[in-house]
Amino acid sequence: MGRLVRKPRIADVDAPLFEDGDLPADIAATAMHGVPGDTYLERMVKYVPGEVLAFFMLINAILDQAMKSGGADAAMAGVPVPMIAAGALIVGCTLTPLFCWYVRQEGDAWIVNAIVSTIAFPFWAYLMGAVAFATHHDGNLAVILVMSFTVMSGLIAPWPTKAKLELQLERPAGRERLRLVDVFGGLEAALIPNRAARGHG
């Protein structure tokens, strides 16, 4: 189970037939039966940008402490803390799709995951009491927004792909696979007559 939402792969009845043992068992099974994608609950959990939120929580805690000690006119290096907080929120929204791209694996629907997680990030930041939303924060509203978005996000499923595409990448139709045994066998056959000729000479 990957970190990101997985694409479902449906069986393809039009996939070319291969001899037994010609393909690995997992690829052959995928072509015949397909692979289900993540369930509703799995998608709902994976769309939460947890790693980026953990980074944002640390930054937000520092900014919140600065606001409490400095009041409404709090500043860092001459820059108002609310402005830094807004910048931190934008950075968090930018890091979310970058993180999805960085941890992606084969079969992940990382683009869908990145879009939904990026939209989810401000909702979670609002729930955590982001300094950028300090003047408009309401705890009850934050819970309602996050719960509503999270429940709805689980309904967003990536478009399924055909298992045939994986097979074509593994071995294009009509093309024989070159094996090392055949290569070395051909070299040996070419060298043996030369050795025999040198032995008789």
N, C-alpha and C. Protein backbone atom coordinates (compact mmCIF):
# COMPACT_ATOMS: atom_id res chain seq x y z
N MET A 1 0.85 -1.19 0.00
CA MET A 1 0.00 0.00 0.00
C MET A 1 0.89 1.23 0.00
N GLY A 2 0.76 2.06 -1.05
CA GLY A 2 1.59 3.25 -1.17
C GLY A 2 1.06 4.40 -0.34
N ARG A 3 1.84 5.46 -0.30
CA ARG A 3 1.42 6.65 0.44
C ARG A 3 0.31 7.38 -0.29
N LEU A 4 0.31 7.33 -1.62
CA LEU A 4 -0.68 8.04 -2.41
C LEU A 4 -1.78 7.10 -2.88
N VAL A 5 -2.85 7.70 -3.36
CA VAL A 5 -3.99 6.93 -3.87
C VAL A 5 -3.54 6.12 -5.09
N ARG A 6 -3.95 4.85 -5.14
CA ARG A 6 -3.57 3.95 -6.23
C ARG A 6 -4.65 3.91 -7.29
N LYS A 7 -4.22 3.87 -8.56
CA LYS A 7 -5.17 3.74 -9.66
C LYS A 7 -5.69 2.31 -9.74
N PRO A 8 -6.99 2.14 -9.95
CA PRO A 8 -7.47 0.78 -10.23
C PRO A 8 -7.09 0.38 -11.64
N ARG A 9 -6.73 -0.89 -11.83
CA ARG A 9 -6.40 -1.40 -13.16
C ARG A 9 -7.39 -2.50 -13.51
N ILE A 10 -8.12 -2.29 -14.58
CA ILE A 10 -9.15 -3.24 -14.97
C ILE A 10 -8.57 -4.27 -15.93
N ALA A 11 -9.14 -5.48 -15.89
CA ALA A 11 -8.69 -6.53 -16.80
C ALA A 11 -9.04 -6.15 -18.23
N ASP A 12 -8.18 -6.54 -19.16
CA ASP A 12 -8.38 -6.22 -20.57
C ASP A 12 -8.51 -7.52 -21.35
N VAL A 13 -9.72 -7.78 -21.83
CA VAL A 13 -9.94 -9.03 -22.57
C VAL A 13 -9.27 -9.00 -23.93
N ASP A 14 -8.90 -7.81 -24.42
CA ASP A 14 -8.25 -7.71 -25.72
C ASP A 14 -6.74 -7.81 -25.63
N ALA A 15 -6.19 -8.01 -24.41
CA ALA A 15 -4.74 -8.09 -24.26
C ALA A 15 -4.22 -9.31 -25.00
N PRO A 16 -3.03 -9.20 -25.64
CA PRO A 16 -2.48 -10.34 -26.38
C PRO A 16 -2.17 -11.50 -25.45
N LEU A 17 -2.30 -12.72 -26.01
CA LEU A 17 -2.05 -13.92 -25.21
C LEU A 17 -0.56 -14.22 -25.18
N PHE A 18 -0.08 -14.70 -24.06
CA PHE A 18 1.31 -15.05 -23.90
C PHE A 18 1.40 -16.49 -23.42
N GLU A 19 2.49 -17.15 -23.73
CA GLU A 19 2.69 -18.51 -23.29
C GLU A 19 2.92 -18.56 -21.79
N ASP A 20 2.67 -19.73 -21.20
CA ASP A 20 2.89 -19.89 -19.76
C ASP A 20 4.35 -19.63 -19.43
N GLY A 21 4.57 -18.91 -18.39
CA GLY A 21 5.94 -18.61 -17.96
C GLY A 21 6.59 -17.49 -18.75
N ASP A 22 5.87 -16.92 -19.73
CA ASP A 22 6.46 -15.86 -20.54
C ASP A 22 6.49 -14.54 -19.80
N LEU A 23 5.55 -14.37 -18.86
CA LEU A 23 5.47 -13.14 -18.06
C LEU A 23 5.48 -13.51 -16.58
N PRO A 24 5.95 -12.60 -15.73
CA PRO A 24 5.86 -12.85 -14.29
C PRO A 24 4.42 -13.06 -13.87
N ALA A 25 4.24 -13.84 -12.80
CA ALA A 25 2.90 -14.23 -12.37
C ALA A 25 2.04 -13.02 -12.01
N ASP A 26 2.64 -12.00 -11.36
CA ASP A 26 1.83 -10.85 -10.93
C ASP A 26 1.33 -10.04 -12.13
N ILE A 27 2.16 -9.93 -13.16
CA ILE A 27 1.74 -9.18 -14.36
C ILE A 27 0.67 -9.95 -15.11
N ALA A 28 0.83 -11.27 -15.23
CA ALA A 28 -0.18 -12.08 -15.91
C ALA A 28 -1.51 -12.03 -15.16
N ALA A 29 -1.47 -12.07 -13.83
CA ALA A 29 -2.70 -11.99 -13.04
C ALA A 29 -3.37 -10.64 -13.20
N THR A 30 -2.56 -9.58 -13.30
CA THR A 30 -3.12 -8.24 -13.51
C THR A 30 -3.86 -8.17 -14.83
N ALA A 31 -3.28 -8.76 -15.87
CA ALA A 31 -3.91 -8.73 -17.19
C ALA A 31 -5.22 -9.49 -17.21
N MET A 32 -5.28 -10.60 -16.46
CA MET A 32 -6.47 -11.43 -16.49
C MET A 32 -7.57 -10.93 -15.56
N HIS A 33 -7.20 -10.45 -14.38
CA HIS A 33 -8.21 -10.11 -13.38
C HIS A 33 -8.23 -8.63 -13.00
N GLY A 34 -7.17 -7.88 -13.30
CA GLY A 34 -7.09 -6.48 -12.91
C GLY A 34 -6.70 -6.33 -11.44
N VAL A 35 -6.53 -5.09 -11.02
CA VAL A 35 -6.17 -4.79 -9.63
C VAL A 35 -7.09 -3.69 -9.13
N PRO A 36 -7.82 -3.92 -8.02
CA PRO A 36 -8.70 -2.87 -7.53
C PRO A 36 -7.91 -1.70 -6.96
N GLY A 37 -8.46 -0.51 -7.08
CA GLY A 37 -7.81 0.67 -6.50
C GLY A 37 -8.12 0.78 -5.01
N ASP A 38 -7.76 1.90 -4.43
CA ASP A 38 -8.01 2.11 -3.01
C ASP A 38 -9.51 2.25 -2.74
N THR A 39 -9.91 1.85 -1.55
CA THR A 39 -11.31 1.96 -1.15
C THR A 39 -11.63 3.41 -0.76
N TYR A 40 -12.89 3.65 -0.48
CA TYR A 40 -13.34 4.99 -0.08
C TYR A 40 -12.59 5.48 1.15
N LEU A 41 -12.49 4.63 2.18
CA LEU A 41 -11.81 5.03 3.41
C LEU A 41 -10.31 5.26 3.19
N GLU A 42 -9.69 4.43 2.36
CA GLU A 42 -8.26 4.60 2.07
C GLU A 42 -8.00 5.90 1.34
N ARG A 43 -8.85 6.23 0.38
CA ARG A 43 -8.70 7.51 -0.34
C ARG A 43 -8.88 8.68 0.61
N MET A 44 -9.86 8.58 1.49
CA MET A 44 -10.15 9.67 2.42
C MET A 44 -8.95 9.96 3.31
N VAL A 45 -8.25 8.91 3.74
CA VAL A 45 -7.08 9.08 4.60
C VAL A 45 -5.88 9.59 3.80
N LYS A 46 -5.68 9.04 2.61
CA LYS A 46 -4.49 9.40 1.83
C LYS A 46 -4.54 10.82 1.28
N TYR A 47 -5.73 11.38 1.15
CA TYR A 47 -5.83 12.76 0.66
C TYR A 47 -5.44 13.78 1.72
N VAL A 48 -5.32 13.38 2.98
CA VAL A 48 -4.90 14.30 4.04
C VAL A 48 -3.39 14.56 3.89
N PRO A 49 -2.97 15.80 3.70
CA PRO A 49 -1.53 16.09 3.51
C PRO A 49 -0.78 16.10 4.83
N GLY A 50 -0.67 14.93 5.46
CA GLY A 50 -0.15 14.84 6.82
C GLY A 50 1.28 15.32 6.97
N GLU A 51 2.18 14.94 6.05
CA GLU A 51 3.59 15.31 6.19
C GLU A 51 3.79 16.81 6.08
N VAL A 52 3.11 17.44 5.13
CA VAL A 52 3.24 18.89 4.98
C VAL A 52 2.58 19.60 6.15
N LEU A 53 1.50 19.07 6.66
CA LEU A 53 0.84 19.67 7.82
C LEU A 53 1.74 19.62 9.05
N ALA A 54 2.49 18.53 9.21
CA ALA A 54 3.41 18.44 10.34
C ALA A 54 4.47 19.54 10.27
N PHE A 55 4.99 19.78 9.07
CA PHE A 55 5.96 20.87 8.88
C PHE A 55 5.31 22.23 9.17
N PHE A 56 4.08 22.40 8.69
CA PHE A 56 3.38 23.67 8.87
C PHE A 56 3.06 23.93 10.33
N MET A 57 2.74 22.88 11.08
CA MET A 57 2.40 23.04 12.50
C MET A 57 3.57 23.63 13.28
N LEU A 58 4.78 23.20 12.96
CA LEU A 58 5.96 23.73 13.65
C LEU A 58 6.14 25.22 13.36
N ILE A 59 6.04 25.58 12.08
CA ILE A 59 6.16 27.00 11.70
C ILE A 59 5.05 27.82 12.35
N ASN A 60 3.83 27.29 12.34
CA ASN A 60 2.70 28.02 12.88
C ASN A 60 2.83 28.21 14.39
N ALA A 61 3.40 27.23 15.09
CA ALA A 61 3.60 27.35 16.54
C ALA A 61 4.57 28.49 16.86
N ILE A 62 5.62 28.62 16.06
CA ILE A 62 6.57 29.73 16.25
C ILE A 62 5.90 31.07 16.01
N LEU A 63 5.12 31.14 14.93
CA LEU A 63 4.43 32.40 14.62
C LEU A 63 3.37 32.73 15.67
N ASP A 64 2.69 31.72 16.17
CA ASP A 64 1.68 31.95 17.20
C ASP A 64 2.31 32.47 18.49
N GLN A 65 3.47 31.93 18.84
CA GLN A 65 4.18 32.41 20.03
C GLN A 65 4.63 33.86 19.85
N ALA A 66 5.07 34.18 18.63
CA ALA A 66 5.49 35.56 18.35
C ALA A 66 4.31 36.52 18.47
N MET A 67 3.14 36.08 18.02
CA MET A 67 1.95 36.93 18.11
C MET A 67 1.53 37.13 19.57
N LYS A 68 1.66 36.09 20.38
CA LYS A 68 1.27 36.21 21.78
C LYS A 68 2.21 37.11 22.56
N SER A 69 3.50 37.04 22.24
CA SER A 69 4.47 37.87 22.97
C SER A 69 4.55 39.29 22.44
N GLY A 70 4.31 39.48 21.15
CA GLY A 70 4.44 40.82 20.55
C GLY A 70 3.15 41.55 20.33
N GLY A 71 2.02 40.86 20.47
CA GLY A 71 0.73 41.51 20.26
C GLY A 71 0.42 41.68 18.78
N ALA A 72 -0.50 42.59 18.51
CA ALA A 72 -0.95 42.80 17.13
C ALA A 72 0.13 43.37 16.24
N ASP A 73 1.12 44.06 16.83
CA ASP A 73 2.20 44.67 16.04
C ASP A 73 3.44 43.79 16.00
N ALA A 74 3.31 42.52 16.28
CA ALA A 74 4.47 41.62 16.29
C ALA A 74 5.11 41.55 14.91
N ALA A 75 6.45 41.50 14.94
CA ALA A 75 7.19 41.45 13.68
C ALA A 75 8.44 40.60 13.86
N MET A 76 8.92 40.07 12.75
CA MET A 76 10.17 39.31 12.71
C MET A 76 11.05 39.93 11.64
N ALA A 77 12.21 40.41 12.05
CA ALA A 77 13.14 41.08 11.13
C ALA A 77 12.45 42.21 10.38
N GLY A 78 11.54 42.91 11.08
CA GLY A 78 10.85 44.04 10.48
C GLY A 78 9.65 43.66 9.63
N VAL A 79 9.39 42.37 9.46
CA VAL A 79 8.25 41.92 8.65
C VAL A 79 7.12 41.52 9.59
N PRO A 80 5.92 42.06 9.39
CA PRO A 80 4.80 41.70 10.28
C PRO A 80 4.53 40.20 10.28
N VAL A 81 4.26 39.67 11.47
CA VAL A 81 4.02 38.23 11.61
C VAL A 81 2.83 37.76 10.78
N PRO A 82 1.71 38.52 10.71
CA PRO A 82 0.61 38.06 9.85
C PRO A 82 1.02 37.88 8.39
N MET A 83 1.94 38.73 7.92
CA MET A 83 2.40 38.59 6.55
C MET A 83 3.25 37.32 6.38
N ILE A 84 4.08 37.05 7.38
CA ILE A 84 4.87 35.81 7.35
C ILE A 84 3.95 34.60 7.42
N ALA A 85 2.89 34.69 8.22
CA ALA A 85 1.94 33.58 8.35
C ALA A 85 1.24 33.30 7.02
N ALA A 86 0.87 34.38 6.31
CA ALA A 86 0.25 34.19 4.99
C ALA A 86 1.24 33.54 4.02
N GLY A 87 2.50 33.96 4.09
CA GLY A 87 3.52 33.34 3.25
C GLY A 87 3.72 31.87 3.58
N ALA A 88 3.69 31.52 4.87
CA ALA A 88 3.82 30.12 5.28
C ALA A 88 2.67 29.28 4.77
N LEU A 89 1.48 29.86 4.75
CA LEU A 89 0.32 29.14 4.22
C LEU A 89 0.48 28.87 2.73
N ILE A 90 0.97 29.86 2.00
CA ILE A 90 1.20 29.69 0.55
C ILE A 90 2.29 28.65 0.30
N VAL A 91 3.34 28.68 1.12
CA VAL A 91 4.42 27.69 0.98
C VAL A 91 3.88 26.28 1.23
N GLY A 92 3.02 26.13 2.23
CA GLY A 92 2.43 24.83 2.51
C GLY A 92 1.59 24.31 1.35
N CYS A 93 0.82 25.22 0.75
CA CYS A 93 0.00 24.83 -0.41
C CYS A 93 0.88 24.46 -1.60
N THR A 94 2.04 25.08 -1.71
CA THR A 94 2.97 24.78 -2.81
C THR A 94 3.70 23.46 -2.56
N LEU A 95 4.07 23.20 -1.32
CA LEU A 95 4.81 21.97 -1.01
C LEU A 95 3.95 20.72 -1.13
N THR A 96 2.65 20.85 -0.98
CA THR A 96 1.78 19.67 -1.02
C THR A 96 1.85 18.94 -2.36
N PRO A 97 1.64 19.60 -3.51
CA PRO A 97 1.78 18.86 -4.78
C PRO A 97 3.21 18.42 -5.04
N LEU A 98 4.19 19.20 -4.60
CA LEU A 98 5.58 18.79 -4.78
C LEU A 98 5.88 17.51 -4.00
N PHE A 99 5.33 17.40 -2.80
CA PHE A 99 5.53 16.19 -2.01
C PHE A 99 4.88 14.98 -2.69
N CYS A 100 3.67 15.17 -3.23
CA CYS A 100 2.99 14.07 -3.94
C CYS A 100 3.82 13.62 -5.13
N TRP A 101 4.39 14.57 -5.84
CA TRP A 101 5.24 14.21 -6.99
C TRP A 101 6.50 13.48 -6.53
N TYR A 102 7.06 13.88 -5.40
CA TYR A 102 8.32 13.30 -4.94
C TYR A 102 8.17 11.86 -4.46
N VAL A 103 7.05 11.54 -3.79
CA VAL A 103 6.88 10.20 -3.22
C VAL A 103 6.10 9.27 -4.15
N ARG A 104 5.78 9.72 -5.35
CA ARG A 104 4.96 8.91 -6.26
C ARG A 104 5.67 7.60 -6.60
N GLN A 105 4.88 6.56 -6.86
CA GLN A 105 5.36 5.26 -7.29
C GLN A 105 4.55 4.82 -8.49
N GLU A 106 5.01 3.76 -9.12
CA GLU A 106 4.30 3.22 -10.27
C GLU A 106 2.89 2.81 -9.85
N GLY A 107 1.89 3.28 -10.58
CA GLY A 107 0.50 2.95 -10.27
C GLY A 107 -0.19 3.97 -9.40
N ASP A 108 0.53 4.98 -8.90
CA ASP A 108 -0.09 6.02 -8.08
C ASP A 108 -0.81 7.05 -8.95
N ALA A 109 -1.95 7.50 -8.49
CA ALA A 109 -2.66 8.60 -9.15
C ALA A 109 -2.22 9.90 -8.49
N TRP A 110 -0.95 10.25 -8.68
CA TRP A 110 -0.37 11.34 -7.90
C TRP A 110 -0.93 12.71 -8.29
N ILE A 111 -1.36 12.87 -9.53
CA ILE A 111 -1.91 14.17 -9.95
C ILE A 111 -3.24 14.42 -9.24
N VAL A 112 -4.11 13.41 -9.24
CA VAL A 112 -5.39 13.54 -8.53
C VAL A 112 -5.14 13.76 -7.05
N ASN A 113 -4.21 12.98 -6.49
CA ASN A 113 -3.87 13.11 -5.07
C ASN A 113 -3.35 14.52 -4.77
N ALA A 114 -2.50 15.05 -5.64
CA ALA A 114 -1.93 16.38 -5.42
C ALA A 114 -3.00 17.46 -5.45
N ILE A 115 -3.93 17.36 -6.38
CA ILE A 115 -4.99 18.38 -6.49
C ILE A 115 -5.88 18.37 -5.24
N VAL A 116 -6.35 17.18 -4.85
CA VAL A 116 -7.26 17.10 -3.70
C VAL A 116 -6.54 17.49 -2.41
N SER A 117 -5.30 17.02 -2.24
CA SER A 117 -4.55 17.34 -1.02
C SER A 117 -4.24 18.83 -0.92
N THR A 118 -3.95 19.47 -2.05
CA THR A 118 -3.66 20.91 -2.04
C THR A 118 -4.90 21.70 -1.65
N ILE A 119 -6.07 21.26 -2.14
CA ILE A 119 -7.31 21.93 -1.75
C ILE A 119 -7.61 21.68 -0.27
N ALA A 120 -7.25 20.48 0.22
CA ALA A 120 -7.52 20.13 1.62
C ALA A 120 -6.63 20.89 2.58
N PHE A 121 -5.43 21.29 2.15
CA PHE A 121 -4.47 21.89 3.07
C PHE A 121 -5.00 23.12 3.80
N PRO A 122 -5.60 24.11 3.13
CA PRO A 122 -6.11 25.28 3.88
C PRO A 122 -7.18 24.91 4.90
N PHE A 123 -8.01 23.90 4.60
CA PHE A 123 -9.03 23.49 5.56
C PHE A 123 -8.39 22.96 6.84
N TRP A 124 -7.37 22.12 6.68
CA TRP A 124 -6.68 21.58 7.85
C TRP A 124 -5.89 22.66 8.58
N ALA A 125 -5.29 23.59 7.83
CA ALA A 125 -4.56 24.69 8.46
C ALA A 125 -5.52 25.56 9.28
N TYR A 126 -6.72 25.77 8.75
CA TYR A 126 -7.72 26.55 9.48
C TYR A 126 -8.14 25.83 10.77
N LEU A 127 -8.28 24.50 10.69
CA LEU A 127 -8.64 23.72 11.87
C LEU A 127 -7.54 23.80 12.94
N MET A 128 -6.27 23.82 12.52
CA MET A 128 -5.16 23.84 13.46
C MET A 128 -4.91 25.23 14.03
N GLY A 129 -5.69 26.21 13.64
CA GLY A 129 -5.53 27.56 14.16
C GLY A 129 -4.38 28.30 13.52
N ALA A 130 -4.29 28.23 12.21
CA ALA A 130 -3.22 28.92 11.50
C ALA A 130 -3.29 30.42 11.79
N VAL A 131 -2.13 31.00 12.03
CA VAL A 131 -2.05 32.44 12.34
C VAL A 131 -2.60 33.26 11.19
N ALA A 132 -2.48 32.76 9.97
CA ALA A 132 -2.99 33.49 8.80
C ALA A 132 -4.50 33.69 8.88
N PHE A 133 -5.20 32.80 9.59
CA PHE A 133 -6.66 32.89 9.73
C PHE A 133 -7.07 33.38 11.12
N ALA A 134 -6.14 33.96 11.87
CA ALA A 134 -6.40 34.29 13.28
C ALA A 134 -7.61 35.21 13.45
N THR A 135 -7.78 36.17 12.56
CA THR A 135 -8.88 37.14 12.71
C THR A 135 -10.23 36.56 12.32
N HIS A 136 -10.22 35.41 11.63
CA HIS A 136 -11.48 34.82 11.17
C HIS A 136 -11.69 33.40 11.70
N HIS A 137 -10.91 33.01 12.71
CA HIS A 137 -10.97 31.62 13.15
C HIS A 137 -12.17 31.34 14.04
N ASP A 138 -12.83 30.24 13.77
CA ASP A 138 -13.93 29.74 14.59
C ASP A 138 -13.78 28.23 14.68
N GLY A 139 -13.55 27.70 15.87
CA GLY A 139 -13.26 26.28 16.04
C GLY A 139 -14.37 25.37 15.56
N ASN A 140 -15.62 25.73 15.85
CA ASN A 140 -16.75 24.90 15.42
C ASN A 140 -16.87 24.87 13.90
N LEU A 141 -16.72 26.04 13.27
CA LEU A 141 -16.78 26.09 11.81
C LEU A 141 -15.64 25.29 11.19
N ALA A 142 -14.46 25.36 11.82
CA ALA A 142 -13.30 24.63 11.30
C ALA A 142 -13.56 23.13 11.28
N VAL A 143 -14.14 22.60 12.36
CA VAL A 143 -14.44 21.17 12.41
C VAL A 143 -15.46 20.79 11.35
N ILE A 144 -16.48 21.62 11.19
CA ILE A 144 -17.51 21.33 10.18
C ILE A 144 -16.90 21.32 8.78
N LEU A 145 -16.05 22.29 8.49
CA LEU A 145 -15.44 22.37 7.16
C LEU A 145 -14.54 21.17 6.87
N VAL A 146 -13.69 20.82 7.84
CA VAL A 146 -12.76 19.71 7.62
C VAL A 146 -13.51 18.39 7.49
N MET A 147 -14.50 18.16 8.34
CA MET A 147 -15.26 16.91 8.26
C MET A 147 -16.01 16.81 6.94
N SER A 148 -16.61 17.90 6.52
CA SER A 148 -17.37 17.89 5.26
C SER A 148 -16.45 17.64 4.07
N PHE A 149 -15.31 18.33 4.04
CA PHE A 149 -14.40 18.15 2.91
C PHE A 149 -13.80 16.75 2.90
N THR A 150 -13.44 16.24 4.06
CA THR A 150 -12.82 14.91 4.13
C THR A 150 -13.79 13.83 3.67
N VAL A 151 -15.03 13.92 4.10
CA VAL A 151 -16.03 12.94 3.68
C VAL A 151 -16.27 13.02 2.18
N MET A 152 -16.31 14.22 1.63
CA MET A 152 -16.53 14.38 0.19
C MET A 152 -15.31 13.96 -0.62
N SER A 153 -14.11 14.16 -0.08
CA SER A 153 -12.90 13.85 -0.84
C SER A 153 -12.77 12.36 -1.10
N GLY A 154 -13.29 11.52 -0.20
CA GLY A 154 -13.21 10.07 -0.42
C GLY A 154 -13.98 9.61 -1.64
N LEU A 155 -14.91 10.44 -2.11
CA LEU A 155 -15.68 10.10 -3.31
C LEU A 155 -14.88 10.32 -4.60
N ILE A 156 -13.79 11.06 -4.50
CA ILE A 156 -12.98 11.35 -5.69
C ILE A 156 -12.03 10.19 -5.93
N ALA A 157 -12.30 9.43 -6.97
CA ALA A 157 -11.48 8.25 -7.30
C ALA A 157 -10.79 8.49 -8.64
N PRO A 158 -9.53 8.06 -8.78
CA PRO A 158 -8.84 8.22 -10.04
C PRO A 158 -9.44 7.34 -11.13
N TRP A 159 -9.27 7.76 -12.38
CA TRP A 159 -9.79 7.02 -13.51
C TRP A 159 -9.02 5.72 -13.67
N PRO A 160 -9.70 4.58 -13.87
CA PRO A 160 -8.97 3.31 -14.00
C PRO A 160 -8.18 3.22 -15.30
N THR A 161 -7.11 2.46 -15.27
CA THR A 161 -6.31 2.21 -16.47
C THR A 161 -6.41 0.73 -16.83
N LYS A 162 -6.13 0.42 -18.10
CA LYS A 162 -6.18 -0.96 -18.54
C LYS A 162 -4.86 -1.66 -18.25
N ALA A 163 -4.97 -2.90 -17.83
CA ALA A 163 -3.78 -3.69 -17.54
C ALA A 163 -2.96 -3.95 -18.79
N LYS A 164 -3.60 -3.85 -19.97
CA LYS A 164 -2.91 -4.11 -21.23
C LYS A 164 -1.73 -3.19 -21.43
N LEU A 165 -1.84 -1.94 -20.96
CA LEU A 165 -0.76 -0.98 -21.14
C LEU A 165 0.51 -1.46 -20.46
N GLU A 166 0.38 -2.08 -19.29
CA GLU A 166 1.55 -2.57 -18.58
C GLU A 166 2.20 -3.70 -19.36
N LEU A 167 1.35 -4.56 -19.96
CA LEU A 167 1.88 -5.67 -20.72
C LEU A 167 2.63 -5.19 -21.96
N GLN A 168 2.10 -4.18 -22.61
CA GLN A 168 2.77 -3.68 -23.80
C GLN A 168 4.10 -3.04 -23.47
N LEU A 169 4.19 -2.44 -22.29
CA LEU A 169 5.48 -1.88 -21.89
C LEU A 169 6.48 -2.98 -21.57
N GLU A 170 5.97 -4.10 -20.99
CA GLU A 170 6.87 -5.19 -20.65
C GLU A 170 7.39 -5.89 -21.90
N ARG A 171 6.47 -6.14 -22.85
CA ARG A 171 6.87 -6.82 -24.07
C ARG A 171 5.95 -6.42 -25.20
N PRO A 172 6.37 -5.58 -26.14
CA PRO A 172 5.52 -5.18 -27.24
C PRO A 172 5.07 -6.39 -28.04
N ALA A 173 3.85 -6.34 -28.55
CA ALA A 173 3.30 -7.45 -29.30
C ALA A 173 4.11 -7.70 -30.56
N GLY A 174 4.39 -8.97 -30.84
CA GLY A 174 5.09 -9.32 -32.06
C GLY A 174 6.60 -9.22 -31.97
N ARG A 175 7.15 -8.88 -30.82
CA ARG A 175 8.60 -8.75 -30.68
C ARG A 175 9.11 -9.80 -29.70
N GLU A 176 10.08 -10.59 -30.12
CA GLU A 176 10.64 -11.62 -29.27
C GLU A 176 11.63 -11.01 -28.29
N ARG A 177 11.69 -11.61 -27.12
CA ARG A 177 12.59 -11.14 -26.09
C ARG A 177 13.97 -11.74 -26.31
N LEU A 178 15.01 -10.95 -26.22
CA LEU A 178 16.38 -11.42 -26.38
C LEU A 178 16.88 -11.88 -25.02
N ARG A 179 17.33 -13.15 -24.96
CA ARG A 179 17.80 -13.71 -23.71
C ARG A 179 19.31 -13.82 -23.72
N LEU A 180 19.93 -13.63 -22.57
CA LEU A 180 21.39 -13.70 -22.47
C LEU A 180 21.90 -15.10 -22.77
N VAL A 181 21.10 -16.11 -22.43
CA VAL A 181 21.51 -17.49 -22.70
C VAL A 181 21.69 -17.70 -24.20
N ASP A 182 20.76 -17.13 -24.98
CA ASP A 182 20.86 -17.28 -26.43
C ASP A 182 22.09 -16.56 -26.98
N VAL A 183 22.38 -15.39 -26.42
CA VAL A 183 23.53 -14.63 -26.89
C VAL A 183 24.82 -15.39 -26.62
N PHE A 184 24.98 -15.87 -25.37
CA PHE A 184 26.20 -16.60 -25.02
C PHE A 184 26.27 -17.94 -25.75
N GLY A 185 25.11 -18.58 -26.00
CA GLY A 185 25.10 -19.83 -26.75
C GLY A 185 25.58 -19.63 -28.18
N GLY A 186 25.18 -18.51 -28.78
CA GLY A 186 25.63 -18.20 -30.13
C GLY A 186 27.12 -17.91 -30.18
N LEU A 187 27.63 -17.22 -29.16
CA LEU A 187 29.07 -16.93 -29.11
C LEU A 187 29.87 -18.20 -28.93
N GLU A 188 29.36 -19.10 -28.09
CA GLU A 188 30.08 -20.35 -27.86
C GLU A 188 30.14 -21.19 -29.12
N ALA A 189 29.01 -21.23 -29.85
CA ALA A 189 28.98 -21.99 -31.09
C ALA A 189 29.94 -21.42 -32.13
N ALA A 190 30.11 -20.10 -32.11
CA ALA A 190 31.02 -19.48 -33.06
C ALA A 190 32.48 -19.69 -32.68
N LEU A 191 32.77 -19.83 -31.38
CA LEU A 191 34.15 -19.97 -30.92
C LEU A 191 34.65 -21.41 -30.98
N ILE A 192 33.76 -22.38 -30.80
CA ILE A 192 34.21 -23.78 -30.74
C ILE A 192 34.86 -24.24 -32.05
N PRO A 193 34.27 -23.95 -33.24
CA PRO A 193 34.96 -24.38 -34.47
C PRO A 193 36.36 -23.75 -34.61
N ASN A 194 36.52 -22.52 -34.18
CA ASN A 194 37.84 -21.87 -34.27
C ASN A 194 38.84 -22.56 -33.37
N ARG A 195 38.37 -22.96 -32.19
CA ARG A 195 39.27 -23.68 -31.28
C ARG A 195 39.68 -25.02 -31.86
N ALA A 196 38.71 -25.72 -32.47
CA ALA A 196 39.01 -27.02 -33.08
C ALA A 196 40.02 -26.87 -34.22
N ALA A 197 39.83 -25.82 -35.01
CA ALA A 197 40.76 -25.60 -36.15
C ALA A 197 42.16 -25.32 -35.65
N ARG A 198 42.28 -24.54 -34.54
CA ARG A 198 43.59 -24.25 -34.00
C ARG A 198 44.21 -25.50 -33.40
N GLY A 199 43.38 -26.39 -32.84
CA GLY A 199 43.89 -27.63 -32.23
C GLY A 199 44.44 -28.57 -33.28
N HIS A 200 43.78 -28.66 -34.45
CA HIS A 200 44.25 -29.54 -35.52
C HIS A 200 45.44 -28.95 -36.22
N GLY A 201 45.58 -27.62 -36.23
CA GLY A 201 46.71 -26.96 -36.88
C GLY A 201 47.89 -27.08 -36.01
